[in-house]
Amino acid sequence: MLGARFHASATDEFIVFLKEHDITLEQAAAARQAASDAHNHEETPNFAASIERHAKKLS
């Protein structure tokens, strides 16, 4: 599977927020990954269609 890769780092403020809400960094990372996956699943077809429409205008 092809896909973009990115690196995210937690700020000190985010670590404090997680601790205040009894959330582990691993839980936060898993939730963020799930949200990213859902977003990409929804938006990738739209982006591909946009590219196709643009290409058709140029041809």
C-alpha atoms as a PDB file:
ATOM      1  CA  MET A   1       0.000   0.000   0.000  1.00  0.00           C
ATOM      2  CA  LEU A   2       1.297   3.422  -0.902  1.00  0.00           C
ATOM      3  CA  GLY A   3       0.865   6.291   1.450  1.00  0.00           C
ATOM      4  CA  ALA A   4       2.368   9.388   2.901  1.00  0.00           C
ATOM      5  CA  ARG A   5       4.501   9.110   5.972  1.00  0.00           C
ATOM      6  CA  PHE A   6       4.868  11.820   8.528  1.00  0.00           C
ATOM      7  CA  HIS A   7       6.388  12.284  11.932  1.00  0.00           C
ATOM      8  CA  ALA A   8       4.572  14.028  14.749  1.00  0.00           C
ATOM      9  CA  SER A   9       6.007  15.086  18.076  1.00  0.00           C
ATOM     10  CA  ALA A  10       4.049  15.847  21.215  1.00  0.00           C
ATOM     11  CA  THR A  11       4.526  19.264  22.751  1.00  0.00           C
ATOM     12  CA  ASP A  12       5.072  19.654  26.469  1.00  0.00           C
ATOM     13  CA  GLU A  13       1.589  21.158  26.690  1.00  0.00           C
ATOM     14  CA  PHE A  14       0.064  18.143  24.975  1.00  0.00           C
ATOM     15  CA  ILE A  15       1.831  15.750  27.354  1.00  0.00           C
ATOM     16  CA  VAL A  16       0.397  17.734  30.287  1.00  0.00           C
ATOM     17  CA  PHE A  17      -3.068  17.570  28.695  1.00  0.00           C
ATOM     18  CA  LEU A  18      -2.788  13.798  28.286  1.00  0.00           C
ATOM     19  CA  LYS A  19      -1.710  13.348  31.899  1.00  0.00           C
ATOM     20  CA  GLU A  20      -4.542  15.571  33.151  1.00  0.00           C
ATOM     21  CA  HIS A  21      -7.022  13.404  31.239  1.00  0.00           C
ATOM     22  CA  ASP A  22      -5.397  10.063  32.105  1.00  0.00           C
ATOM     23  CA  ILE A  23      -4.590   9.284  28.472  1.00  0.00           C
ATOM     24  CA  THR A  24      -1.387   7.514  27.497  1.00  0.00           C
ATOM     25  CA  LEU A  25       0.688   8.711  24.580  1.00  0.00           C
ATOM     26  CA  GLU A  26       0.087   5.330  22.966  1.00  0.00           C
ATOM     27  CA  GLN A  27      -3.694   5.777  23.258  1.00  0.00           C
ATOM     28  CA  ALA A  28      -3.465   9.259  21.787  1.00  0.00           C
ATOM     29  CA  ALA A  29      -1.266   8.031  18.940  1.00  0.00           C
ATOM     30  CA  ALA A  30      -3.660   5.176  18.158  1.00  0.00           C
ATOM     31  CA  ALA A  31      -6.644   7.540  18.150  1.00  0.00           C
ATOM     32  CA  ARG A  32      -4.805   9.974  15.880  1.00  0.00           C
ATOM     33  CA  GLN A  33      -3.849   7.166  13.505  1.00  0.00           C
ATOM     34  CA  ALA A  34      -7.448   5.965  13.341  1.00  0.00           C
ATOM     35  CA  ALA A  35      -8.653   9.502  12.615  1.00  0.00           C
ATOM     36  CA  SER A  36      -6.008   9.940   9.905  1.00  0.00           C
ATOM     37  CA  ASP A  37      -6.910   6.616   8.309  1.00  0.00           C
ATOM     38  CA  ALA A  38     -10.623   7.491   8.291  1.00  0.00           C
ATOM     39  CA  HIS A  39      -9.906  10.911   6.806  1.00  0.00           C
ATOM     40  CA  ASN A  40      -7.668   9.476   4.086  1.00  0.00           C
ATOM     41  CA  HIS A  41     -10.221   6.777   3.241  1.00  0.00           C
ATOM     42  CA  GLU A  42     -12.846   9.478   2.726  1.00  0.00           C
ATOM     43  CA  GLU A  43     -10.743  12.121   1.009  1.00  0.00           C
ATOM     44  CA  THR A  44      -8.470  10.098  -1.298  1.00  0.00           C
ATOM     45  CA  PRO A  45     -11.229   9.308  -3.838  1.00  0.00           C
ATOM     46  CA  ASN A  46     -12.273  12.973  -3.830  1.00  0.00           C
ATOM     47  CA  PHE A  47      -8.701  14.089  -4.428  1.00  0.00           C
ATOM     48  CA  ALA A  48      -8.270  11.565  -7.240  1.00  0.00           C
ATOM     49  CA  ALA A  49     -11.487  12.778  -8.876  1.00  0.00           C
ATOM     50  CA  SER A  50     -10.263  16.366  -8.610  1.00  0.00           C
ATOM     51  CA  ILE A  51      -6.996  15.460 -10.335  1.00  0.00           C
ATOM     52  CA  GLU A  52      -8.929  13.629 -13.061  1.00  0.00           C
ATOM     53  CA  ARG A  53     -11.224  16.631 -13.666  1.00  0.00           C
ATOM     54  CA  HIS A  54      -8.217  18.922 -13.937  1.00  0.00           C
ATOM     55  CA  ALA A  55      -6.430  16.574 -16.332  1.00  0.00           C
ATOM     56  CA  LYS A  56      -9.505  16.380 -18.563  1.00  0.00           C
ATOM     57  CA  LYS A  57      -9.626  20.188 -18.742  1.00  0.00           C
ATOM     58  CA  LEU A  58      -6.017  20.210 -19.957  1.00  0.00           C
ATOM     59  CA  SER A  59      -6.525  17.597 -22.653  1.00  0.00           C
END
